[in-house]
PDB file of N, CA and C in Angstrom:
ATOM      1  N   MET A   1     -17.048  -0.343  12.223  1.00  0.00           N
ATOM      2  CA  MET A   1     -15.924  -0.145  11.962  1.00  0.00           C
ATOM      3  C   MET A   1     -15.800   0.254  10.487  1.00  0.00           C
ATOM      4  N   PRO A   2     -14.672   1.627  11.079  1.00  0.00           N
ATOM      5  CA  PRO A   2     -15.354   2.814   9.114  1.00  0.00           C
ATOM      6  C   PRO A   2     -14.856   1.424   7.899  1.00  0.00           C
ATOM      7  N   THR A   3     -15.285   2.158   6.780  1.00  0.00           N
ATOM      8  CA  THR A   3     -15.188   1.171   5.797  1.00  0.00           C
ATOM      9  C   THR A   3     -14.614   2.363   4.707  1.00  0.00           C
ATOM     10  N   LEU A   4     -13.154   1.202   4.113  1.00  0.00           N
ATOM     11  CA  LEU A   4     -12.687   2.111   3.712  1.00  0.00           C
ATOM     12  C   LEU A   4     -12.358   2.781   2.440  1.00  0.00           C
ATOM     13  N   GLN A   5     -12.340   3.933   1.627  1.00  0.00           N
ATOM     14  CA  GLN A   5     -12.334   4.880   0.566  1.00  0.00           C
ATOM     15  C   GLN A   5     -11.179   5.287  -0.141  1.00  0.00           C
ATOM     16  N   THR A   6     -11.200   5.123  -1.021  1.00  0.00           N
ATOM     17  CA  THR A   6     -10.117   5.704  -2.158  1.00  0.00           C
ATOM     18  C   THR A   6     -10.259   6.663  -2.873  1.00  0.00           C
ATOM     19  N   SER A   7      -9.709   7.739  -3.440  1.00  0.00           N
ATOM     20  CA  SER A   7     -10.272   8.497  -4.725  1.00  0.00           C
ATOM     21  C   SER A   7      -9.879   7.553  -6.759  1.00  0.00           C
ATOM     22  N   VAL A   8      -9.391   6.467  -6.622  1.00  0.00           N
ATOM     23  CA  VAL A   8      -8.783   5.488  -7.463  1.00  0.00           C
ATOM     24  C   VAL A   8     -10.273   4.738  -8.003  1.00  0.00           C
ATOM     25  N   ALA A   9     -11.041   4.515  -6.590  1.00  0.00           N
ATOM     26  CA  ALA A   9     -12.046   3.195  -7.316  1.00  0.00           C
ATOM     27  C   ALA A   9     -12.751   3.573  -8.443  1.00  0.00           C
ATOM     28  N   SER A  10     -12.814   4.166  -8.639  1.00  0.00           N
ATOM     29  CA  SER A  10     -13.621   4.455 -10.389  1.00  0.00           C
ATOM     30  C   SER A  10     -12.662   4.982 -11.169  1.00  0.00           C
ATOM     31  N   THR A  11     -11.772   4.869 -11.106  1.00  0.00           N
ATOM     32  CA  THR A  11     -10.707   5.457 -12.321  1.00  0.00           C
ATOM     33  C   THR A  11     -10.848   4.274 -12.521  1.00  0.00           C
ATOM     34  N   ASN A  12     -11.013   4.880 -14.336  1.00  0.00           N
ATOM     35  CA  ASN A  12     -11.056   3.417 -15.390  1.00  0.00           C
ATOM     36  C   ASN A  12      -9.919   3.562 -17.075  1.00  0.00           C
ATOM     37  N   ARG A  13      -8.774   2.117 -15.998  1.00  0.00           N
ATOM     38  CA  ARG A  13      -7.535   3.072 -16.913  1.00  0.00           C
ATOM     39  C   ARG A  13      -7.951   3.270 -18.573  1.00  0.00           C
ATOM     40  N   THR A  14      -8.144   2.451 -19.275  1.00  0.00           N
ATOM     41  CA  THR A  14      -8.779   2.631 -20.598  1.00  0.00           C
ATOM     42  C   THR A  14      -8.357   4.233 -20.875  1.00  0.00           C
ATOM     43  N   ALA A  15     -10.094   4.734 -20.094  1.00  0.00           N
ATOM     44  CA  ALA A  15     -10.115   5.956 -20.694  1.00  0.00           C
ATOM     45  C   ALA A  15      -9.899   6.925 -20.124  1.00  0.00           C
ATOM     46  N   ASN A  16      -9.345   6.444 -18.889  1.00  0.00           N
ATOM     47  CA  ASN A  16      -7.910   7.909 -18.210  1.00  0.00           C
ATOM     48  C   ASN A  16      -7.292   8.530 -17.989  1.00  0.00           C
ATOM     49  N   LEU A  17      -6.420   6.995 -18.698  1.00  0.00           N
ATOM     50  CA  LEU A  17      -4.403   6.405 -18.049  1.00  0.00           C
ATOM     51  C   LEU A  17      -4.202   5.888 -19.568  1.00  0.00           C
ATOM     52  N   ASP A  18      -2.743   6.842 -20.344  1.00  0.00           N
ATOM     53  CA  ASP A  18      -2.376   5.929 -21.275  1.00  0.00           C
ATOM     54  C   ASP A  18      -1.950   4.211 -20.588  1.00  0.00           C
ATOM     55  N   PRO A  19      -2.368   3.124 -21.314  1.00  0.00           N
ATOM     56  CA  PRO A  19      -1.811   1.553 -21.144  1.00  0.00           C
ATOM     57  C   PRO A  19      -0.502   2.213 -21.108  1.00  0.00           C
ATOM     58  N   ASN A  20       0.220   2.506 -21.709  1.00  0.00           N
ATOM     59  CA  ASN A  20       2.281   2.240 -21.758  1.00  0.00           C
ATOM     60  C   ASN A  20       2.838   2.714 -19.896  1.00  0.00           C
ATOM     61  N   ILE A  21       2.145   3.338 -19.302  1.00  0.00           N
ATOM     62  CA  ILE A  21       2.526   4.384 -18.791  1.00  0.00           C
ATOM     63  C   ILE A  21       2.037   3.711 -17.142  1.00  0.00           C
ATOM     64  N   ALA A  22       3.029   3.714 -16.648  1.00  0.00           N
ATOM     65  CA  ALA A  22       3.317   2.931 -14.332  1.00  0.00           C
ATOM     66  C   ALA A  22       1.816   3.987 -14.406  1.00  0.00           C
ATOM     67  N   LEU A  23       0.977   3.015 -13.672  1.00  0.00           N
ATOM     68  CA  LEU A  23       0.343   3.847 -13.095  1.00  0.00           C
ATOM     69  C   LEU A  23       0.730   3.210 -10.813  1.00  0.00           C
ATOM     70  N   VAL A  24       0.740   4.350 -11.070  1.00  0.00           N
ATOM     71  CA  VAL A  24       1.073   4.441  -9.166  1.00  0.00           C
ATOM     72  C   VAL A  24       0.203   5.171  -8.450  1.00  0.00           C
ATOM     73  N   ILE A  25       0.206   4.831  -7.234  1.00  0.00           N
ATOM     74  CA  ILE A  25      -0.698   5.293  -6.198  1.00  0.00           C
ATOM     75  C   ILE A  25       0.053   5.409  -5.471  1.00  0.00           C
ATOM     76  N   ALA A  26      -0.129   6.731  -4.201  1.00  0.00           N
ATOM     77  CA  ALA A  26       0.066   7.006  -2.953  1.00  0.00           C
ATOM     78  C   ALA A  26      -1.500   6.265  -2.476  1.00  0.00           C
ATOM     79  N   TYR A  27      -1.248   5.562  -1.451  1.00  0.00           N
ATOM     80  CA  TYR A  27      -2.650   5.591  -0.604  1.00  0.00           C
ATOM     81  C   TYR A  27      -2.363   5.410   1.129  1.00  0.00           C
ATOM     82  N   HIS A  28      -3.007   6.463   1.757  1.00  0.00           N
ATOM     83  CA  HIS A  28      -3.169   5.785   3.225  1.00  0.00           C
ATOM     84  C   HIS A  28      -4.163   4.527   3.447  1.00  0.00           C
ATOM     85  N   LYS A  29      -3.136   3.834   3.294  1.00  0.00           N
ATOM     86  CA  LYS A  29      -3.571   2.568   4.773  1.00  0.00           C
ATOM     87  C   LYS A  29      -4.055   2.575   5.966  1.00  0.00           C
ATOM     88  N   PRO A  30      -5.358   2.422   6.691  1.00  0.00           N
ATOM     89  CA  PRO A  30      -5.431   2.491   7.584  1.00  0.00           C
ATOM     90  C   PRO A  30      -4.754   1.266   9.603  1.00  0.00           C
ATOM     91  N   TYR A  31      -5.121   1.994  10.142  1.00  0.00           N
ATOM     92  CA  TYR A  31      -4.790   0.463  11.001  1.00  0.00           C
ATOM     93  C   TYR A  31      -5.451  -0.517  10.591  1.00  0.00           C
ATOM     94  N   GLY A  32      -5.708  -1.919  11.100  1.00  0.00           N
ATOM     95  CA  GLY A  32      -6.011  -2.500  11.113  1.00  0.00           C
ATOM     96  C   GLY A  32      -7.212  -3.896   9.441  1.00  0.00           C
ATOM     97  N   VAL A  33      -5.907  -2.528   9.005  1.00  0.00           N
ATOM     98  CA  VAL A  33      -6.020  -3.642   7.797  1.00  0.00           C
ATOM     99  C   VAL A  33      -4.800  -4.244   7.151  1.00  0.00           C
ATOM    100  N   LEU A  34      -4.776  -5.761   6.811  1.00  0.00           N
ATOM    101  CA  LEU A  34      -3.683  -6.154   6.044  1.00  0.00           C
ATOM    102  C   LEU A  34      -2.927  -5.020   3.993  1.00  0.00           C
ATOM    103  N   CYS A  35      -1.707  -5.561   4.774  1.00  0.00           N
ATOM    104  CA  CYS A  35      -1.275  -5.034   3.302  1.00  0.00           C
ATOM    105  C   CYS A  35      -1.224  -6.277   2.526  1.00  0.00           C
ATOM    106  N   GLN A  36      -2.443  -6.752   1.509  1.00  0.00           N
ATOM    107  CA  GLN A  36      -2.338  -7.676   1.016  1.00  0.00           C
ATOM    108  C   GLN A  36      -4.025  -7.662   0.340  1.00  0.00           C
ATOM    109  N   PHE A  37      -4.029  -8.041  -0.991  1.00  0.00           N
ATOM    110  CA  PHE A  37      -5.502  -7.888  -0.909  1.00  0.00           C
ATOM    111  C   PHE A  37      -6.824  -9.324  -1.117  1.00  0.00           C
ATOM    112  N   THR A  38      -5.771 -10.622  -0.048  1.00  0.00           N
ATOM    113  CA  THR A  38      -6.003 -12.078   0.700  1.00  0.00           C
ATOM    114  C   THR A  38      -6.107 -12.050   1.577  1.00  0.00           C
ATOM    115  N   PRO A  39      -7.010 -12.450   2.153  1.00  0.00           N
ATOM    116  CA  PRO A  39      -6.572 -12.629   3.785  1.00  0.00           C
ATOM    117  C   PRO A  39      -6.005 -13.430   4.428  1.00  0.00           C
ATOM    118  N   ASP A  40      -5.337 -13.792   5.572  1.00  0.00           N
ATOM    119  CA  ASP A  40      -4.494 -14.835   5.962  1.00  0.00           C
ATOM    120  C   ASP A  40      -5.391 -15.347   6.678  1.00  0.00           C
ATOM    121  N   GLN A  41      -6.555 -14.930   7.131  1.00  0.00           N
ATOM    122  CA  GLN A  41      -7.328 -15.529   8.284  1.00  0.00           C
ATOM    123  C   GLN A  41      -9.323 -14.979   7.995  1.00  0.00           C
ATOM    124  N   PRO A  42     -10.439 -16.195   8.081  1.00  0.00           N
ATOM    125  CA  PRO A  42     -11.688 -14.663   7.390  1.00  0.00           C
ATOM    126  C   PRO A  42     -12.001 -14.108   8.595  1.00  0.00           C
ATOM    127  N   GLY A  43     -12.323 -12.676   8.526  1.00  0.00           N
ATOM    128  CA  GLY A  43     -12.521 -11.808   8.538  1.00  0.00           C
ATOM    129  C   GLY A  43     -11.832 -10.604   9.401  1.00  0.00           C
ATOM    130  N   GLN A  44     -10.314 -10.962   8.273  1.00  0.00           N
ATOM    131  CA  GLN A  44      -9.328  -9.787   8.196  1.00  0.00           C
ATOM    132  C   GLN A  44      -9.486  -8.384   6.993  1.00  0.00           C
ATOM    133  N   ARG A  45      -9.633  -7.373   7.478  1.00  0.00           N
ATOM    134  CA  ARG A  45      -9.651  -6.868   6.128  1.00  0.00           C
ATOM    135  C   ARG A  45      -8.233  -6.491   5.467  1.00  0.00           C
ATOM    136  N   THR A  46      -8.475  -6.271   4.026  1.00  0.00           N
ATOM    137  CA  THR A  46      -7.616  -6.060   3.171  1.00  0.00           C
ATOM    138  C   THR A  46      -7.606  -4.836   2.596  1.00  0.00           C
ATOM    139  N   LEU A  47      -6.734  -5.440   1.826  1.00  0.00           N
ATOM    140  CA  LEU A  47      -7.128  -3.876   0.085  1.00  0.00           C
ATOM    141  C   LEU A  47      -8.019  -3.355  -0.153  1.00  0.00           C
ATOM    142  N   ALA A  48      -8.255  -4.847  -0.348  1.00  0.00           N
ATOM    143  CA  ALA A  48      -9.095  -5.724  -1.639  1.00  0.00           C
ATOM    144  C   ALA A  48     -10.261  -4.410  -1.651  1.00  0.00           C
ATOM    145  N   GLU A  49     -11.158  -4.135  -0.421  1.00  0.00           N
ATOM    146  CA  GLU A  49     -12.709  -3.059   0.181  1.00  0.00           C
ATOM    147  C   GLU A  49     -12.324  -2.284  -0.556  1.00  0.00           C
ATOM    148  N   ALA A  50     -10.585  -1.539  -0.945  1.00  0.00           N
ATOM    149  CA  ALA A  50     -10.402   0.091  -1.110  1.00  0.00           C
ATOM    150  C   ALA A  50     -10.687  -0.555  -2.732  1.00  0.00           C
ATOM    151  N   GLY A  51     -10.885  -0.946  -3.364  1.00  0.00           N
ATOM    152  CA  GLY A  51     -11.744  -0.891  -4.455  1.00  0.00           C
ATOM    153  C   GLY A  51     -10.593  -0.233  -5.876  1.00  0.00           C
ATOM    154  N   PHE A  52      -9.577  -0.871  -5.476  1.00  0.00           N
ATOM    155  CA  PHE A  52      -8.735  -0.928  -6.824  1.00  0.00           C
ATOM    156  C   PHE A  52      -8.254  -1.202  -8.173  1.00  0.00           C
ATOM    157  N   PRO A  53      -8.208  -0.469  -8.818  1.00  0.00           N
ATOM    158  CA  PRO A  53      -8.331  -0.965 -10.582  1.00  0.00           C
ATOM    159  C   PRO A  53      -7.467  -2.380 -10.422  1.00  0.00           C
ATOM    160  N   ALA A  54      -8.118  -3.118 -10.845  1.00  0.00           N
ATOM    161  CA  ALA A  54      -7.221  -4.286 -10.911  1.00  0.00           C
ATOM    162  C   ALA A  54      -5.447  -4.475 -11.168  1.00  0.00           C
ATOM    163  N   ALA A  55      -4.554  -5.221 -10.960  1.00  0.00           N
ATOM    164  CA  ALA A  55      -3.020  -5.416 -11.183  1.00  0.00           C
ATOM    165  C   ALA A  55      -2.836  -4.638 -10.302  1.00  0.00           C
ATOM    166  N   VAL A  56      -3.138  -3.253  -9.474  1.00  0.00           N
ATOM    167  CA  VAL A  56      -2.359  -3.168  -8.531  1.00  0.00           C
ATOM    168  C   VAL A  56      -1.610  -4.181  -7.493  1.00  0.00           C
ATOM    169  N   TYR A  57      -0.185  -3.607  -7.190  1.00  0.00           N
ATOM    170  CA  TYR A  57       0.228  -4.074  -5.834  1.00  0.00           C
ATOM    171  C   TYR A  57       0.744  -3.565  -5.632  1.00  0.00           C
ATOM    172  N   PRO A  58       1.361  -3.619  -3.879  1.00  0.00           N
ATOM    173  CA  PRO A  58       1.560  -3.012  -2.933  1.00  0.00           C
ATOM    174  C   PRO A  58       2.968  -2.999  -2.761  1.00  0.00           C
ATOM    175  N   VAL A  59       3.451  -1.644  -2.729  1.00  0.00           N
ATOM    176  CA  VAL A  59       5.431  -1.112  -3.344  1.00  0.00           C
ATOM    177  C   VAL A  59       5.263  -1.357  -1.680  1.00  0.00           C
ATOM    178  N   GLY A  60       5.684  -2.650  -0.629  1.00  0.00           N
ATOM    179  CA  GLY A  60       6.567  -2.329   0.363  1.00  0.00           C
ATOM    180  C   GLY A  60       5.131  -2.905   1.212  1.00  0.00           C
ATOM    181  N   ARG A  61       5.289  -2.658   2.658  1.00  0.00           N
ATOM    182  CA  ARG A  61       5.009  -3.657   3.794  1.00  0.00           C
ATOM    183  C   ARG A  61       4.279  -2.824   4.469  1.00  0.00           C
ATOM    184  N   LEU A  62       2.760  -1.970   5.267  1.00  0.00           N
ATOM    185  CA  LEU A  62       3.150  -2.014   6.401  1.00  0.00           C
ATOM    186  C   LEU A  62       2.091  -3.008   7.337  1.00  0.00           C
ATOM    187  N   ASP A  63       2.332  -3.055   8.150  1.00  0.00           N
ATOM    188  CA  ASP A  63       1.745  -4.324   9.841  1.00  0.00           C
ATOM    189  C   ASP A  63       0.890  -3.772   9.733  1.00  0.00           C
ATOM    190  N   MET A  64      -0.451  -4.526   9.797  1.00  0.00           N
ATOM    191  CA  MET A  64      -1.801  -4.569   9.979  1.00  0.00           C
ATOM    192  C   MET A  64      -1.846  -3.351  11.029  1.00  0.00           C
ATOM    193  N   ASP A  65      -1.079  -3.425  12.110  1.00  0.00           N
ATOM    194  CA  ASP A  65      -1.443  -2.106  12.950  1.00  0.00           C
ATOM    195  C   ASP A  65      -1.044  -0.765  12.888  1.00  0.00           C
ATOM    196  N   SER A  66      -0.299  -0.877  11.814  1.00  0.00           N
ATOM    197  CA  SER A  66       0.091   0.658  11.017  1.00  0.00           C
ATOM    198  C   SER A  66      -0.427   0.879  10.618  1.00  0.00           C
ATOM    199  N   GLU A  67      -0.864   2.266  10.430  1.00  0.00           N
ATOM    200  CA  GLU A  67      -1.301   3.145   9.428  1.00  0.00           C
ATOM    201  C   GLU A  67      -0.574   4.440   9.016  1.00  0.00           C
ATOM    202  N   GLY A  68      -0.577   4.761   7.760  1.00  0.00           N
ATOM    203  CA  GLY A  68       0.291   5.133   6.723  1.00  0.00           C
ATOM    204  C   GLY A  68       0.342   5.467   5.156  1.00  0.00           C
ATOM    205  N   LEU A  69       1.406   5.537   5.048  1.00  0.00           N
ATOM    206  CA  LEU A  69       1.937   5.383   3.319  1.00  0.00           C
ATOM    207  C   LEU A  69       1.788   4.568   2.713  1.00  0.00           C
ATOM    208  N   LEU A  70       0.781   3.987   1.431  1.00  0.00           N
ATOM    209  CA  LEU A  70       1.363   2.636   1.091  1.00  0.00           C
ATOM    210  C   LEU A  70       1.555   2.597  -0.182  1.00  0.00           C
ATOM    211  N   LEU A  71       2.443   3.043  -0.971  1.00  0.00           N
ATOM    212  CA  LEU A  71       2.542   2.915  -2.530  1.00  0.00           C
ATOM    213  C   LEU A  71       1.637   1.993  -3.283  1.00  0.00           C
ATOM    214  N   LEU A  72       1.208   1.910  -3.814  1.00  0.00           N
ATOM    215  CA  LEU A  72       0.913   0.762  -5.136  1.00  0.00           C
ATOM    216  C   LEU A  72       1.217   0.837  -6.462  1.00  0.00           C
ATOM    217  N   SER A  73       1.743  -0.471  -7.162  1.00  0.00           N
ATOM    218  CA  SER A  73       1.226  -0.007  -9.072  1.00  0.00           C
ATOM    219  C   SER A  73       1.040  -0.971  -9.563  1.00  0.00           C
ATOM    220  N   ASP A  74       1.656  -0.910 -10.741  1.00  0.00           N
ATOM    221  CA  ASP A  74       0.796  -2.355 -11.639  1.00  0.00           C
ATOM    222  C   ASP A  74       2.591  -2.766 -12.658  1.00  0.00           C
ATOM    223  N   GLU A  75       2.988  -1.993 -11.847  1.00  0.00           N
ATOM    224  CA  GLU A  75       4.376  -1.918 -12.641  1.00  0.00           C
ATOM    225  C   GLU A  75       5.437  -2.921 -12.029  1.00  0.00           C
ATOM    226  N   ALA A  76       5.730  -4.381 -12.953  1.00  0.00           N
ATOM    227  CA  ALA A  76       6.107  -5.445 -11.984  1.00  0.00           C
ATOM    228  C   ALA A  76       7.973  -5.363 -11.051  1.00  0.00           C
ATOM    229  N   GLY A  77       8.779  -3.505 -12.147  1.00  0.00           N
ATOM    230  CA  GLY A  77      10.273  -3.632 -11.568  1.00  0.00           C
ATOM    231  C   GLY A  77      10.363  -2.093 -10.619  1.00  0.00           C
ATOM    232  N   PHE A  78       9.001  -1.705  -9.962  1.00  0.00           N
ATOM    233  CA  PHE A  78       9.356  -0.966  -9.077  1.00  0.00           C
ATOM    234  C   PHE A  78       9.195  -1.277  -8.482  1.00  0.00           C
ATOM    235  N   ASN A  79       8.393  -2.088  -7.233  1.00  0.00           N
ATOM    236  CA  ASN A  79       9.079  -1.936  -6.259  1.00  0.00           C
ATOM    237  C   ASN A  79      10.035  -2.624  -6.154  1.00  0.00           C
ATOM    238  N   HIS A  80      11.023  -3.585  -6.969  1.00  0.00           N
ATOM    239  CA  HIS A  80      12.643  -3.947  -6.891  1.00  0.00           C
ATOM    240  C   HIS A  80      13.335  -2.664  -6.853  1.00  0.00           C
ATOM    241  N   ARG A  81      12.843  -2.206  -7.633  1.00  0.00           N
ATOM    242  CA  ARG A  81      13.904  -0.261  -7.974  1.00  0.00           C
ATOM    243  C   ARG A  81      13.277   0.856  -6.704  1.00  0.00           C
ATOM    244  N   LEU A  82      12.666   0.267  -6.262  1.00  0.00           N
ATOM    245  CA  LEU A  82      12.457   1.519  -5.124  1.00  0.00           C
ATOM    246  C   LEU A  82      12.644  -0.001  -3.360  1.00  0.00           C
ATOM    247  N   LEU A  83      13.195  -1.131  -3.289  1.00  0.00           N
ATOM    248  CA  LEU A  83      13.012  -1.297  -1.626  1.00  0.00           C
ATOM    249  C   LEU A  83      14.384  -2.771  -2.093  1.00  0.00           C
ATOM    250  N   ASP A  84      14.568  -2.736  -3.397  1.00  0.00           N
ATOM    251  CA  ASP A  84      16.035  -4.097  -3.434  1.00  0.00           C
ATOM    252  C   ASP A  84      17.517  -3.155  -2.602  1.00  0.00           C
ATOM    253  N   PRO A  85      17.748  -3.697  -1.665  1.00  0.00           N
ATOM    254  CA  PRO A  85      19.188  -2.391  -1.237  1.00  0.00           C
ATOM    255  C   PRO A  85      20.767  -3.077  -2.761  1.00  0.00           C
ATOM    256  N   ALA A  86      20.600  -3.215  -2.874  1.00  0.00           N
ATOM    257  CA  ALA A  86      21.820  -3.171  -3.583  1.00  0.00           C
ATOM    258  C   ALA A  86      21.036  -1.085  -4.708  1.00  0.00           C
ATOM    259  N   LEU A  87      20.399  -0.973  -4.597  1.00  0.00           N
ATOM    260  CA  LEU A  87      19.713  -0.013  -5.683  1.00  0.00           C
ATOM    261  C   LEU A  87      19.965   0.992  -3.960  1.00  0.00           C
ATOM    262  N   GLU A  88      20.823   1.215  -3.613  1.00  0.00           N
ATOM    263  CA  GLU A  88      20.418   1.755  -2.274  1.00  0.00           C
ATOM    264  C   GLU A  88      20.092   2.841  -2.388  1.00  0.00           C
ATOM    265  N   HIS A  89      19.231   3.643  -1.092  1.00  0.00           N
ATOM    266  CA  HIS A  89      18.342   5.224  -1.923  1.00  0.00           C
ATOM    267  C   HIS A  89      18.146   6.151  -0.358  1.00  0.00           C
ATOM    268  N   PRO A  90      18.736   7.113   0.392  1.00  0.00           N
ATOM    269  CA  PRO A  90      17.722   7.468   1.333  1.00  0.00           C
ATOM    270  C   PRO A  90      15.997   7.313   1.341  1.00  0.00           C
ATOM    271  N   ARG A  91      16.268   7.124   3.118  1.00  0.00           N
ATOM    272  CA  ARG A  91      14.836   6.395   3.378  1.00  0.00           C
ATOM    273  C   ARG A  91      14.598   7.432   4.676  1.00  0.00           C
ATOM    274  N   THR A  92      13.401   8.024   4.659  1.00  0.00           N
ATOM    275  CA  THR A  92      12.898   8.764   5.832  1.00  0.00           C
ATOM    276  C   THR A  92      11.991   8.176   6.523  1.00  0.00           C
ATOM    277  N   TYR A  93      12.008   8.063   8.288  1.00  0.00           N
ATOM    278  CA  TYR A  93      10.630   7.238   8.706  1.00  0.00           C
ATOM    279  C   TYR A  93       9.917   8.567   9.797  1.00  0.00           C
ATOM    280  N   GLN A  94       8.757   7.935   9.951  1.00  0.00           N
ATOM    281  CA  GLN A  94       8.535   8.596  11.116  1.00  0.00           C
ATOM    282  C   GLN A  94       7.389   7.734  12.191  1.00  0.00           C
ATOM    283  N   VAL A  95       7.831   7.646  13.019  1.00  0.00           N
ATOM    284  CA  VAL A  95       7.186   7.206  14.178  1.00  0.00           C
ATOM    285  C   VAL A  95       6.330   7.333  15.360  1.00  0.00           C
ATOM    286  N   GLN A  96       5.529   6.921  15.484  1.00  0.00           N
ATOM    287  CA  GLN A  96       5.212   7.662  17.013  1.00  0.00           C
ATOM    288  C   GLN A  96       4.448   6.617  17.254  1.00  0.00           C
ATOM    289  N   VAL A  97       5.112   5.726  18.549  1.00  0.00           N
ATOM    290  CA  VAL A  97       4.729   4.797  19.615  1.00  0.00           C
ATOM    291  C   VAL A  97       3.997   6.157  21.097  1.00  0.00           C
ATOM    292  N   GLU A  98       3.195   4.504  21.503  1.00  0.00           N
ATOM    293  CA  GLU A  98       2.187   4.315  23.053  1.00  0.00           C
ATOM    294  C   GLU A  98       3.338   4.545  24.057  1.00  0.00           C
ATOM    295  N   GLY A  99       3.177   5.029  25.438  1.00  0.00           N
ATOM    296  CA  GLY A  99       4.438   4.738  25.989  1.00  0.00           C
ATOM    297  C   GLY A  99       5.463   4.674  25.673  1.00  0.00           C
ATOM    298  N   ALA A 100       6.797   4.999  26.538  1.00  0.00           N
ATOM    299  CA  ALA A 100       7.844   4.972  26.053  1.00  0.00           C
ATOM    300  C   ALA A 100       8.633   3.860  25.924  1.00  0.00           C
ATOM    301  N   PRO A 101       9.479   3.687  24.700  1.00  0.00           N
ATOM    302  CA  PRO A 101      10.227   2.527  24.047  1.00  0.00           C
ATOM    303  C   PRO A 101      11.188   2.340  25.257  1.00  0.00           C
ATOM    304  N   GLY A 102      11.310   1.074  25.182  1.00  0.00           N
ATOM    305  CA  GLY A 102      12.129   0.346  26.094  1.00  0.00           C
ATOM    306  C   GLY A 102      12.918  -0.680  25.774  1.00  0.00           C
ATOM    307  N   GLY A 103      13.589  -1.691  26.152  1.00  0.00           N
ATOM    308  CA  GLY A 103      14.572  -2.093  26.020  1.00  0.00           C
ATOM    309  C   GLY A 103      14.737  -3.183  26.007  1.00  0.00           C
ATOM    310  N   ALA A 104      15.104  -4.361  24.597  1.00  0.00           N
ATOM    311  CA  ALA A 104      14.319  -5.596  24.690  1.00  0.00           C
ATOM    312  C   ALA A 104      14.645  -6.441  26.023  1.00  0.00           C
TER     313      ALA A 104
END
């Protein structure tokens, strides 16, 4: 199984970033990785493997069986501003499925 790699694993926040500015990371979450830092069951792969800076959290979720863009941030209100239905804004999703979609 390939190891998770990220270009932000070695970021030193005190040396490279202003602590008064929110950190936002765009990350391509691979297939088979939970969209959280702790496993639900032993042996599950998580975002902890990627070595992100401390105190960042996923903004939104992708299923373990999905891959794609995942935002992470250290700003508490960022998730709320992007995902709260009361703060509606346009979104576009692209998906690829195997086989032909069928009725439920």
